[in-house]
Amino acid sequence: MSVTMVIPTAKTREELFPIVKKIVLDKIRKEGHISRKEVEGILECGSTFAWNILRQMVESNLIQRARSGRNSIYTLN
C-alpha cells in the first residue's frame, strides 16, 4: 500500500517542521521505527532535508537513533 502525502507550501523550515514532525511521528508510531530513506520517500525530499529533519527531532528529544551509520533507524524516545 502506498500513501502519498501532500505538504502545503511553507515559507520557512520553522513553519514546515510541525507538519513534517507529525508525519514522521505517525509513521514511527505505526511501524515502530523509520529510516532516512523512508523519510525521503514519504516527504518526497532529498537526503539532506530528511537528515536535517531527523537531526532536529533527535535534538528536540522527540526521537532517538537506534542504530548508527548507513543503517540508522529512529524510534520514539
PDB file of N, CA and C in Angstrom:
ATOM      1  N   MET A   1       0.836  -1.170   0.000  1.00  0.00           N
ATOM      2  CA  MET A   1       0.000   0.000   0.000  1.00  0.00           C
ATOM      3  C   MET A   1       0.881   1.233   0.000  1.00  0.00           C
ATOM      4  N   SER A   2       0.609   2.143  -0.875  1.00  0.00           N
ATOM      5  CA  SER A   2       1.388   3.364  -0.984  1.00  0.00           C
ATOM      6  C   SER A   2       0.526   4.553  -0.600  1.00  0.00           C
ATOM      7  N   VAL A   3       1.092   5.431   0.213  1.00  0.00           N
ATOM      8  CA  VAL A   3       0.378   6.628   0.650  1.00  0.00           C
ATOM      9  C   VAL A   3       1.170   7.834   0.195  1.00  0.00           C
ATOM     10  N   THR A   4       0.511   8.751  -0.467  1.00  0.00           N
ATOM     11  CA  THR A   4       1.154   9.979  -0.900  1.00  0.00           C
ATOM     12  C   THR A   4       0.667  11.108  -0.015  1.00  0.00           C
ATOM     13  N   MET A   5       1.615  11.843   0.558  1.00  0.00           N
ATOM     14  CA  MET A   5       1.294  12.969   1.418  1.00  0.00           C
ATOM     15  C   MET A   5       1.505  14.256   0.633  1.00  0.00           C
ATOM     16  N   VAL A   6       0.573  15.174   0.743  1.00  0.00           N
ATOM     17  CA  VAL A   6       0.731  16.480   0.125  1.00  0.00           C
ATOM     18  C   VAL A   6       1.030  17.466   1.243  1.00  0.00           C
ATOM     19  N   ILE A   7       2.194  18.086   1.152  1.00  0.00           N
ATOM     20  CA  ILE A   7       2.611  19.036   2.166  1.00  0.00           C
ATOM     21  C   ILE A   7       2.398  20.441   1.624  1.00  0.00           C
ATOM     22  N   PRO A   8       1.653  21.271   2.349  1.00  0.00           N
ATOM     23  CA  PRO A   8       1.434  22.627   1.876  1.00  0.00           C
ATOM     24  C   PRO A   8       2.749  23.396   1.778  1.00  0.00           C
ATOM     25  N   THR A   9       2.786  24.359   0.885  1.00  0.00           N
ATOM     26  CA  THR A   9       3.978  25.173   0.723  1.00  0.00           C
ATOM     27  C   THR A   9       4.191  26.002   1.982  1.00  0.00           C
ATOM     28  N   ALA A  10       5.400  25.976   2.503  1.00  0.00           N
ATOM     29  CA  ALA A  10       5.750  26.764   3.682  1.00  0.00           C
ATOM     30  C   ALA A  10       6.854  27.726   3.308  1.00  0.00           C
ATOM     31  N   LYS A  11       6.874  28.831   3.976  1.00  0.00           N
ATOM     32  CA  LYS A  11       7.875  29.844   3.673  1.00  0.00           C
ATOM     33  C   LYS A  11       9.216  29.541   4.336  1.00  0.00           C
ATOM     34  N   THR A  12       9.186  28.935   5.494  1.00  0.00           N
ATOM     35  CA  THR A  12      10.424  28.659   6.214  1.00  0.00           C
ATOM     36  C   THR A  12      10.416  27.245   6.767  1.00  0.00           C
ATOM     37  N   ARG A  13      11.590  26.773   7.131  1.00  0.00           N
ATOM     38  CA  ARG A  13      11.686  25.444   7.755  1.00  0.00           C
ATOM     39  C   ARG A  13      10.949  25.410   9.076  1.00  0.00           C
ATOM     40  N   GLU A  14      10.950  26.536   9.787  1.00  0.00           N
ATOM     41  CA  GLU A  14      10.249  26.589  11.073  1.00  0.00           C
ATOM     42  C   GLU A  14       8.752  26.357  10.890  1.00  0.00           C
ATOM     43  N   GLU A  15       8.184  26.863   9.791  1.00  0.00           N
ATOM     44  CA  GLU A  15       6.775  26.643   9.511  1.00  0.00           C
ATOM     45  C   GLU A  15       6.505  25.202   9.085  1.00  0.00           C
ATOM     46  N   LEU A  16       7.454  24.598   8.423  1.00  0.00           N
ATOM     47  CA  LEU A  16       7.299  23.250   7.907  1.00  0.00           C
ATOM     48  C   LEU A  16       7.517  22.186   8.982  1.00  0.00           C
ATOM     49  N   PHE A  17       8.342  22.473   9.977  1.00  0.00           N
ATOM     50  CA  PHE A  17       8.733  21.469  10.965  1.00  0.00           C
ATOM     51  C   PHE A  17       7.545  20.809  11.664  1.00  0.00           C
ATOM     52  N   PRO A  18       6.527  21.547  12.150  1.00  0.00           N
ATOM     53  CA  PRO A  18       5.409  20.870  12.840  1.00  0.00           C
ATOM     54  C   PRO A  18       4.667  19.876  11.947  1.00  0.00           C
ATOM     55  N   ILE A  19       4.522  20.202  10.671  1.00  0.00           N
ATOM     56  CA  ILE A  19       3.827  19.322   9.731  1.00  0.00           C
ATOM     57  C   ILE A  19       4.642  18.053   9.508  1.00  0.00           C
ATOM     58  N   VAL A  20       5.923  18.233   9.227  1.00  0.00           N
ATOM     59  CA  VAL A  20       6.820  17.101   8.962  1.00  0.00           C
ATOM     60  C   VAL A  20       6.973  16.241  10.210  1.00  0.00           C
ATOM     61  N   LYS A  21       7.086  16.896  11.359  1.00  0.00           N
ATOM     62  CA  LYS A  21       7.230  16.180  12.626  1.00  0.00           C
ATOM     63  C   LYS A  21       6.046  15.240  12.839  1.00  0.00           C
ATOM     64  N   LYS A  22       4.849  15.717  12.583  1.00  0.00           N
ATOM     65  CA  LYS A  22       3.657  14.880  12.757  1.00  0.00           C
ATOM     66  C   LYS A  22       3.682  13.684  11.811  1.00  0.00           C
ATOM     67  N   ILE A  23       4.058  13.905  10.572  1.00  0.00           N
ATOM     68  CA  ILE A  23       4.123  12.819   9.589  1.00  0.00           C
ATOM     69  C   ILE A  23       5.126  11.757  10.035  1.00  0.00           C
ATOM     70  N   VAL A  24       6.308  12.189  10.454  1.00  0.00           N
ATOM     71  CA  VAL A  24       7.356  11.253  10.886  1.00  0.00           C
ATOM     72  C   VAL A  24       6.928  10.511  12.152  1.00  0.00           C
ATOM     73  N   LEU A  25       6.390  11.233  13.132  1.00  0.00           N
ATOM     74  CA  LEU A  25       5.962  10.585  14.374  1.00  0.00           C
ATOM     75  C   LEU A  25       4.829   9.593  14.131  1.00  0.00           C
ATOM     76  N   ASP A  26       3.890   9.931  13.250  1.00  0.00           N
ATOM     77  CA  ASP A  26       2.804   8.993  12.925  1.00  0.00           C
ATOM     78  C   ASP A  26       3.353   7.704  12.322  1.00  0.00           C
ATOM     79  N   LYS A  27       4.325   7.826  11.436  1.00  0.00           N
ATOM     80  CA  LYS A  27       4.949   6.650  10.806  1.00  0.00           C
ATOM     81  C   LYS A  27       5.667   5.798  11.854  1.00  0.00           C
ATOM     82  N   ILE A  28       6.389   6.443  12.770  1.00  0.00           N
ATOM     83  CA  ILE A  28       7.098   5.689  13.816  1.00  0.00           C
ATOM     84  C   ILE A  28       6.095   4.989  14.726  1.00  0.00           C
ATOM     85  N   ARG A  29       5.023   5.667  15.085  1.00  0.00           N
ATOM     86  CA  ARG A  29       4.001   5.044  15.944  1.00  0.00           C
ATOM     87  C   ARG A  29       3.384   3.829  15.262  1.00  0.00           C
ATOM     88  N   LYS A  30       3.183   3.924  13.962  1.00  0.00           N
ATOM     89  CA  LYS A  30       2.560   2.832  13.211  1.00  0.00           C
ATOM     90  C   LYS A  30       3.525   1.665  12.992  1.00  0.00           C
ATOM     91  N   GLU A  31       4.766   1.964  12.601  1.00  0.00           N
ATOM     92  CA  GLU A  31       5.730   0.931  12.211  1.00  0.00           C
ATOM     93  C   GLU A  31       6.763   0.586  13.293  1.00  0.00           C
ATOM     94  N   GLY A  32       6.914   1.476  14.295  1.00  0.00           N
ATOM     95  CA  GLY A  32       7.889   1.231  15.357  1.00  0.00           C
ATOM     96  C   GLY A  32       9.230   1.895  15.124  1.00  0.00           C
ATOM     97  N   HIS A  33       9.511   2.277  13.883  1.00  0.00           N
ATOM     98  CA  HIS A  33      10.774   2.944  13.558  1.00  0.00           C
ATOM     99  C   HIS A  33      10.675   3.552  12.171  1.00  0.00           C
ATOM    100  N   ILE A  34      11.677   4.357  11.829  1.00  0.00           N
ATOM    101  CA  ILE A  34      11.744   4.962  10.494  1.00  0.00           C
ATOM    102  C   ILE A  34      13.211   5.150  10.129  1.00  0.00           C
ATOM    103  N   SER A  35      13.511   5.123   8.855  1.00  0.00           N
ATOM    104  CA  SER A  35      14.874   5.382   8.373  1.00  0.00           C
ATOM    105  C   SER A  35      14.887   6.682   7.574  1.00  0.00           C
ATOM    106  N   ARG A  36      16.062   7.196   7.314  1.00  0.00           N
ATOM    107  CA  ARG A  36      16.189   8.412   6.498  1.00  0.00           C
ATOM    108  C   ARG A  36      15.595   8.177   5.124  1.00  0.00           C
ATOM    109  N   LYS A  37      15.854   7.009   4.546  1.00  0.00           N
ATOM    110  CA  LYS A  37      15.330   6.682   3.222  1.00  0.00           C
ATOM    111  C   LYS A  37      13.801   6.699   3.220  1.00  0.00           C
ATOM    112  N   GLU A  38      13.192   6.194   4.285  1.00  0.00           N
ATOM    113  CA  GLU A  38      11.729   6.215   4.377  1.00  0.00           C
ATOM    114  C   GLU A  38      11.206   7.643   4.466  1.00  0.00           C
ATOM    115  N   VAL A  39      11.918   8.492   5.214  1.00  0.00           N
ATOM    116  CA  VAL A  39      11.523   9.903   5.305  1.00  0.00           C
ATOM    117  C   VAL A  39      11.592  10.543   3.915  1.00  0.00           C
ATOM    118  N   GLU A  40      12.653  10.253   3.185  1.00  0.00           N
ATOM    119  CA  GLU A  40      12.791  10.773   1.820  1.00  0.00           C
ATOM    120  C   GLU A  40      11.587  10.357   0.963  1.00  0.00           C
ATOM    121  N   GLY A  41      11.184   9.098   1.066  1.00  0.00           N
ATOM    122  CA  GLY A  41      10.075   8.595   0.277  1.00  0.00           C
ATOM    123  C   GLY A  41       8.743   9.204   0.673  1.00  0.00           C
ATOM    124  N   ILE A  42       8.488   9.293   1.963  1.00  0.00           N
ATOM    125  CA  ILE A  42       7.225   9.831   2.458  1.00  0.00           C
ATOM    126  C   ILE A  42       7.089  11.313   2.102  1.00  0.00           C
ATOM    127  N   LEU A  43       8.173  12.060   2.306  1.00  0.00           N
ATOM    128  CA  LEU A  43       8.131  13.514   2.096  1.00  0.00           C
ATOM    129  C   LEU A  43       8.502  13.912   0.671  1.00  0.00           C
ATOM    130  N   GLU A  44       8.948  12.928  -0.107  1.00  0.00           N
ATOM    131  CA  GLU A  44       9.428  13.209  -1.466  1.00  0.00           C
ATOM    132  C   GLU A  44      10.452  14.338  -1.444  1.00  0.00           C
ATOM    133  N   CYS A  45      11.489  14.128  -0.626  1.00  0.00           N
ATOM    134  CA  CYS A  45      12.536  15.131  -0.449  1.00  0.00           C
ATOM    135  C   CYS A  45      13.899  14.470  -0.627  1.00  0.00           C
ATOM    136  N   GLY A  46      14.934  15.271  -0.596  1.00  0.00           N
ATOM    137  CA  GLY A  46      16.287  14.773  -0.725  1.00  0.00           C
ATOM    138  C   GLY A  46      16.842  14.274   0.595  1.00  0.00           C
ATOM    139  N   SER A  47      18.002  13.643   0.511  1.00  0.00           N
ATOM    140  CA  SER A  47      18.607  13.042   1.700  1.00  0.00           C
ATOM    141  C   SER A  47      19.025  14.086   2.731  1.00  0.00           C
ATOM    142  N   THR A  48      19.505  15.234   2.286  1.00  0.00           N
ATOM    143  CA  THR A  48      19.947  16.270   3.229  1.00  0.00           C
ATOM    144  C   THR A  48      18.773  16.811   4.028  1.00  0.00           C
ATOM    145  N   PHE A  49      17.674  17.091   3.359  1.00  0.00           N
ATOM    146  CA  PHE A  49      16.487  17.592   4.063  1.00  0.00           C
ATOM    147  C   PHE A  49      15.983  16.551   5.056  1.00  0.00           C
ATOM    148  N   ALA A  50      15.902  15.301   4.630  1.00  0.00           N
ATOM    149  CA  ALA A  50      15.429  14.223   5.509  1.00  0.00           C
ATOM    150  C   ALA A  50      16.350  14.087   6.720  1.00  0.00           C
ATOM    151  N   TRP A  51      17.654  14.125   6.495  1.00  0.00           N
ATOM    152  CA  TRP A  51      18.602  14.004   7.598  1.00  0.00           C
ATOM    153  C   TRP A  51      18.453  15.172   8.564  1.00  0.00           C
ATOM    154  N   ASN A  52      18.279  16.379   8.032  1.00  0.00           N
ATOM    155  CA  ASN A  52      18.123  17.556   8.901  1.00  0.00           C
ATOM    156  C   ASN A  52      16.866  17.461   9.754  1.00  0.00           C
ATOM    157  N   ILE A  53      15.783  16.980   9.182  1.00  0.00           N
ATOM    158  CA  ILE A  53      14.540  16.809   9.952  1.00  0.00           C
ATOM    159  C   ILE A  53      14.762  15.812  11.087  1.00  0.00           C
ATOM    160  N   LEU A  54      15.362  14.667  10.769  1.00  0.00           N
ATOM    161  CA  LEU A  54      15.621  13.653  11.796  1.00  0.00           C
ATOM    162  C   LEU A  54      16.570  14.181  12.864  1.00  0.00           C
ATOM    163  N   ARG A  55      17.586  14.917  12.458  1.00  0.00           N
ATOM    164  CA  ARG A  55      18.531  15.501  13.416  1.00  0.00           C
ATOM    165  C   ARG A  55      17.822  16.463  14.356  1.00  0.00           C
ATOM    166  N   GLN A  56      16.967  17.323  13.804  1.00  0.00           N
ATOM    167  CA  GLN A  56      16.214  18.261  14.639  1.00  0.00           C
ATOM    168  C   GLN A  56      15.311  17.530  15.623  1.00  0.00           C
ATOM    169  N   MET A  57      14.704  16.454  15.179  1.00  0.00           N
ATOM    170  CA  MET A  57      13.816  15.693  16.048  1.00  0.00           C
ATOM    171  C   MET A  57      14.596  14.983  17.157  1.00  0.00           C
ATOM    172  N   VAL A  58      15.810  14.517  16.842  1.00  0.00           N
ATOM    173  CA  VAL A  58      16.668  13.911  17.874  1.00  0.00           C
ATOM    174  C   VAL A  58      17.073  14.985  18.879  1.00  0.00           C
ATOM    175  N   GLU A  59      17.493  16.147  18.392  1.00  0.00           N
ATOM    176  CA  GLU A  59      17.915  17.240  19.274  1.00  0.00           C
ATOM    177  C   GLU A  59      16.767  17.747  20.144  1.00  0.00           C
ATOM    178  N   SER A  60      15.530  17.614  19.661  1.00  0.00           N
ATOM    179  CA  SER A  60      14.347  18.024  20.426  1.00  0.00           C
ATOM    180  C   SER A  60      13.850  16.908  21.352  1.00  0.00           C
ATOM    181  N   ASN A  61      14.581  15.798  21.393  1.00  0.00           N
ATOM    182  CA  ASN A  61      14.231  14.636  22.215  1.00  0.00           C
ATOM    183  C   ASN A  61      12.881  14.031  21.864  1.00  0.00           C
ATOM    184  N   LEU A  62      12.473  14.153  20.612  1.00  0.00           N
ATOM    185  CA  LEU A  62      11.237  13.523  20.159  1.00  0.00           C
ATOM    186  C   LEU A  62      11.484  12.083  19.743  1.00  0.00           C
ATOM    187  N   ILE A  63      12.657  11.839  19.162  1.00  0.00           N
ATOM    188  CA  ILE A  63      13.034  10.508  18.699  1.00  0.00           C
ATOM    189  C   ILE A  63      14.473  10.242  19.094  1.00  0.00           C
ATOM    190  N   GLN A  64      14.885   8.997  18.950  1.00  0.00           N
ATOM    191  CA  GLN A  64      16.279   8.637  19.206  1.00  0.00           C
ATOM    192  C   GLN A  64      16.785   7.757  18.078  1.00  0.00           C
ATOM    193  N   ARG A  65      18.071   7.821  17.829  1.00  0.00           N
ATOM    194  CA  ARG A  65      18.669   6.970  16.808  1.00  0.00           C
ATOM    195  C   ARG A  65      18.969   5.624  17.438  1.00  0.00           C
ATOM    196  N   ALA A  66      18.397   4.568  16.881  1.00  0.00           N
ATOM    197  CA  ALA A  66      18.552   3.227  17.444  1.00  0.00           C
ATOM    198  C   ALA A  66      19.772   2.518  16.876  1.00  0.00           C
ATOM    199  N   ARG A  67      20.146   2.827  15.656  1.00  0.00           N
ATOM    200  CA  ARG A  67      21.355   2.284  15.023  1.00  0.00           C
ATOM    201  C   ARG A  67      22.070   3.448  14.372  1.00  0.00           C
ATOM    202  N   SER A  68      23.370   3.314  14.208  1.00  0.00           N
ATOM    203  CA  SER A  68      24.111   4.390  13.562  1.00  0.00           C
ATOM    204  C   SER A  68      24.672   3.915  12.225  1.00  0.00           C
ATOM    205  N   GLY A  69      25.198   4.853  11.500  1.00  0.00           N
ATOM    206  CA  GLY A  69      25.793   4.514  10.214  1.00  0.00           C
ATOM    207  C   GLY A  69      24.774   4.428   9.098  1.00  0.00           C
ATOM    208  N   ARG A  70      25.123   3.691   8.084  1.00  0.00           N
ATOM    209  CA  ARG A  70      24.294   3.571   6.883  1.00  0.00           C
ATOM    210  C   ARG A  70      22.905   3.002   7.169  1.00  0.00           C
ATOM    211  N   ASN A  71      22.803   2.167   8.174  1.00  0.00           N
ATOM    212  CA  ASN A  71      21.531   1.510   8.507  1.00  0.00           C
ATOM    213  C   ASN A  71      20.842   2.151   9.704  1.00  0.00           C
ATOM    214  N   SER A  72      21.015   3.455   9.888  1.00  0.00           N
ATOM    215  CA  SER A  72      20.376   4.147  11.010  1.00  0.00           C
ATOM    216  C   SER A  72      18.876   4.024  10.937  1.00  0.00           C
ATOM    217  N   ILE A  73      18.290   3.769  12.092  1.00  0.00           N
ATOM    218  CA  ILE A  73      16.834   3.837  12.221  1.00  0.00           C
ATOM    219  C   ILE A  73      16.521   4.686  13.436  1.00  0.00           C
ATOM    220  N   TYR A  74      15.357   5.244  13.446  1.00  0.00           N
ATOM    221  CA  TYR A  74      14.940   6.155  14.514  1.00  0.00           C
ATOM    222  C   TYR A  74      13.673   5.617  15.136  1.00  0.00           C
ATOM    223  N   THR A  75      13.599   5.704  16.469  1.00  0.00           N
ATOM    224  CA  THR A  75      12.453   5.233  17.235  1.00  0.00           C
ATOM    225  C   THR A  75      11.995   6.354  18.165  1.00  0.00           C
ATOM    226  N   LEU A  76      10.827   6.155  18.770  1.00  0.00           N
ATOM    227  CA  LEU A  76      10.357   7.139  19.741  1.00  0.00           C
ATOM    228  C   LEU A  76      11.270   7.164  20.949  1.00  0.00           C
ATOM    229  N   ASN A  77      11.392   8.307  21.555  1.00  0.00           N
ATOM    230  CA  ASN A  77      12.237   8.470  22.747  1.00  0.00           C
ATOM    231  C   ASN A  77      11.546   7.897  23.957  1.00  0.00           C
TER     232      ASN A  77
END
